[in-house]
Amino acid sequence: MKLTRNLAIALETVGCCITLAGIVTEWATGADYGYAIITGGALVVTFGSMIFAKCVKRNWNDEDKK
C-alpha cells in the first residue's frame, strides 16, 4: 500500500531531523565528542534505513504471507 510506504518514509524523515537537532544541540553546548559520535552514528543508521526503504525496496507489500 502506498500510504504505508509514504508514512514510513515520513516518520524516518522526522526521526532524522530530530537526531540532527540533537547533534546541533551537542555541538552548541560543547558536549563530549563521544556523545556526538554516538548521535552521528544514529543519524547514519536512520538515513541508511530511509534510503533502503525508499530507493532499494521498490516493491512494498502489506499483505500477510501464508
N, C-alpha and C. Protein backbone atom coordinates (compact mmCIF):
# COMPACT_ATOMS: atom_id res chain seq x y z
N MET A 1 0.84 -1.18 0.00
CA MET A 1 0.00 0.00 0.00
C MET A 1 0.89 1.24 0.00
N LYS A 2 0.53 2.18 -0.82
CA LYS A 2 1.33 3.39 -1.00
C LYS A 2 1.35 4.25 0.27
N LEU A 3 0.23 4.32 0.98
CA LEU A 3 0.15 5.15 2.18
C LEU A 3 1.11 4.66 3.26
N THR A 4 1.20 3.37 3.44
CA THR A 4 2.09 2.81 4.45
C THR A 4 3.55 3.14 4.14
N ARG A 5 3.92 3.03 2.88
CA ARG A 5 5.30 3.34 2.49
C ARG A 5 5.59 4.82 2.70
N ASN A 6 4.67 5.68 2.30
CA ASN A 6 4.87 7.12 2.49
C ASN A 6 4.91 7.49 3.97
N LEU A 7 4.09 6.84 4.77
CA LEU A 7 4.08 7.10 6.21
C LEU A 7 5.41 6.68 6.84
N ALA A 8 5.93 5.54 6.42
CA ALA A 8 7.21 5.07 6.95
C ALA A 8 8.34 6.04 6.58
N ILE A 9 8.33 6.51 5.34
CA ILE A 9 9.36 7.45 4.90
C ILE A 9 9.22 8.78 5.65
N ALA A 10 7.98 9.24 5.88
CA ALA A 10 7.76 10.48 6.61
C ALA A 10 8.25 10.37 8.05
N LEU A 11 7.96 9.24 8.70
CA LEU A 11 8.43 9.05 10.08
C LEU A 11 9.95 8.96 10.14
N GLU A 12 10.58 8.32 9.16
CA GLU A 12 12.04 8.27 9.11
C GLU A 12 12.62 9.66 8.94
N THR A 13 11.99 10.48 8.12
CA THR A 13 12.47 11.84 7.91
C THR A 13 12.37 12.66 9.19
N VAL A 14 11.27 12.51 9.91
CA VAL A 14 11.12 13.21 11.20
C VAL A 14 12.19 12.73 12.18
N GLY A 15 12.44 11.44 12.21
CA GLY A 15 13.49 10.92 13.08
C GLY A 15 14.87 11.45 12.73
N CYS A 16 15.16 11.56 11.44
CA CYS A 16 16.44 12.12 11.00
C CYS A 16 16.57 13.57 11.44
N CYS A 17 15.50 14.34 11.32
CA CYS A 17 15.55 15.75 11.72
C CYS A 17 15.74 15.90 13.22
N ILE A 18 15.09 15.04 13.99
CA ILE A 18 15.24 15.09 15.45
C ILE A 18 16.67 14.72 15.84
N THR A 19 17.23 13.70 15.21
CA THR A 19 18.60 13.30 15.50
C THR A 19 19.58 14.39 15.09
N LEU A 20 19.34 15.03 13.96
CA LEU A 20 20.19 16.13 13.53
C LEU A 20 20.10 17.29 14.50
N ALA A 21 18.93 17.56 15.03
CA ALA A 21 18.78 18.60 16.05
C ALA A 21 19.57 18.25 17.30
N GLY A 22 19.63 16.97 17.64
CA GLY A 22 20.44 16.54 18.78
C GLY A 22 21.92 16.78 18.55
N ILE A 23 22.39 16.53 17.33
CA ILE A 23 23.80 16.78 17.02
C ILE A 23 24.12 18.26 17.11
N VAL A 24 23.23 19.09 16.58
CA VAL A 24 23.44 20.55 16.64
C VAL A 24 23.43 21.03 18.08
N THR A 25 22.54 20.49 18.90
CA THR A 25 22.48 20.86 20.31
C THR A 25 23.76 20.45 21.04
N GLU A 26 24.26 19.25 20.75
CA GLU A 26 25.51 18.80 21.38
C GLU A 26 26.67 19.68 20.95
N TRP A 27 26.70 20.07 19.69
CA TRP A 27 27.77 20.94 19.21
C TRP A 27 27.68 22.32 19.85
N ALA A 28 26.47 22.86 19.97
CA ALA A 28 26.29 24.20 20.52
C ALA A 28 26.60 24.26 22.01
N THR A 29 26.33 23.18 22.74
CA THR A 29 26.57 23.19 24.17
C THR A 29 27.96 22.69 24.54
N GLY A 30 28.70 22.23 23.55
CA GLY A 30 30.07 21.77 23.82
C GLY A 30 30.12 20.42 24.52
N ALA A 31 29.25 19.51 24.12
CA ALA A 31 29.22 18.18 24.73
C ALA A 31 30.48 17.40 24.35
N ASP A 32 30.73 16.31 25.07
CA ASP A 32 31.87 15.46 24.78
C ASP A 32 31.77 14.89 23.36
N TYR A 33 32.92 14.62 22.78
CA TYR A 33 32.94 14.08 21.41
C TYR A 33 32.30 12.71 21.32
N GLY A 34 32.39 11.93 22.38
CA GLY A 34 31.79 10.59 22.38
C GLY A 34 30.29 10.64 22.16
N TYR A 35 29.63 11.58 22.81
CA TYR A 35 28.18 11.71 22.63
C TYR A 35 27.84 12.13 21.20
N ALA A 36 28.63 13.04 20.66
CA ALA A 36 28.39 13.48 19.28
C ALA A 36 28.61 12.34 18.29
N ILE A 37 29.60 11.50 18.55
CA ILE A 37 29.87 10.36 17.67
C ILE A 37 28.72 9.35 17.74
N ILE A 38 28.22 9.09 18.94
CA ILE A 38 27.10 8.16 19.08
C ILE A 38 25.86 8.70 18.36
N THR A 39 25.58 9.97 18.54
CA THR A 39 24.42 10.57 17.88
C THR A 39 24.61 10.61 16.37
N GLY A 40 25.84 10.87 15.92
CA GLY A 40 26.13 10.85 14.49
C GLY A 40 25.94 9.47 13.90
N GLY A 41 26.31 8.44 14.64
CA GLY A 41 26.07 7.06 14.19
C GLY A 41 24.60 6.75 14.07
N ALA A 42 23.83 7.24 15.02
CA ALA A 42 22.38 7.05 14.94
C ALA A 42 21.80 7.75 13.72
N LEU A 43 22.34 8.92 13.38
CA LEU A 43 21.88 9.64 12.21
C LEU A 43 22.20 8.87 10.93
N VAL A 44 23.39 8.28 10.87
CA VAL A 44 23.76 7.48 9.70
C VAL A 44 22.84 6.27 9.56
N VAL A 45 22.51 5.63 10.66
CA VAL A 45 21.61 4.47 10.61
C VAL A 45 20.22 4.87 10.14
N THR A 46 19.70 5.99 10.64
CA THR A 46 18.35 6.39 10.23
C THR A 46 18.32 6.81 8.77
N PHE A 47 19.35 7.52 8.29
CA PHE A 47 19.39 7.87 6.88
C PHE A 47 19.54 6.61 6.01
N GLY A 48 20.35 5.66 6.46
CA GLY A 48 20.53 4.43 5.70
C GLY A 48 19.24 3.63 5.59
N SER A 49 18.50 3.55 6.67
CA SER A 49 17.24 2.81 6.61
C SER A 49 16.21 3.54 5.75
N MET A 50 16.25 4.86 5.76
CA MET A 50 15.32 5.61 4.91
C MET A 50 15.67 5.42 3.44
N ILE A 51 16.94 5.44 3.10
CA ILE A 51 17.35 5.22 1.72
C ILE A 51 16.98 3.80 1.28
N PHE A 52 17.16 2.82 2.16
CA PHE A 52 16.77 1.45 1.83
C PHE A 52 15.28 1.36 1.57
N ALA A 53 14.49 1.98 2.44
CA ALA A 53 13.03 1.89 2.31
C ALA A 53 12.53 2.60 1.06
N LYS A 54 13.19 3.69 0.69
CA LYS A 54 12.69 4.48 -0.42
C LYS A 54 13.26 4.03 -1.76
N CYS A 55 14.54 3.75 -1.82
CA CYS A 55 15.20 3.50 -3.10
C CYS A 55 15.38 2.03 -3.42
N VAL A 56 15.84 1.26 -2.47
CA VAL A 56 16.20 -0.13 -2.73
C VAL A 56 14.97 -1.03 -2.71
N LYS A 57 14.15 -0.88 -1.71
CA LYS A 57 12.96 -1.73 -1.55
C LYS A 57 11.80 -1.13 -2.34
N ARG A 58 11.76 -1.41 -3.63
CA ARG A 58 10.74 -0.82 -4.50
C ARG A 58 9.36 -1.45 -4.31
N ASN A 59 9.32 -2.78 -4.15
CA ASN A 59 8.01 -3.44 -4.02
C ASN A 59 7.67 -3.58 -2.54
N TRP A 60 6.61 -2.96 -2.14
CA TRP A 60 6.21 -2.91 -0.74
C TRP A 60 4.85 -3.59 -0.64
N ASN A 61 4.81 -4.76 -0.02
CA ASN A 61 3.56 -5.50 0.12
C ASN A 61 3.14 -5.52 1.57
N ASP A 62 1.91 -5.09 1.84
CA ASP A 62 1.38 -5.08 3.19
C ASP A 62 0.53 -6.31 3.50
N GLU A 63 0.41 -7.22 2.53
CA GLU A 63 -0.43 -8.37 2.74
C GLU A 63 0.28 -9.40 3.62
N ASP A 64 -0.51 -10.11 4.37
CA ASP A 64 0.03 -11.20 5.19
C ASP A 64 0.43 -12.35 4.28
N LYS A 65 1.59 -12.89 4.51
CA LYS A 65 2.04 -14.03 3.72
C LYS A 65 1.67 -15.30 4.44
N LYS A 66 1.13 -16.25 3.70
CA LYS A 66 0.73 -17.52 4.32
C LYS A 66 1.68 -18.61 3.96
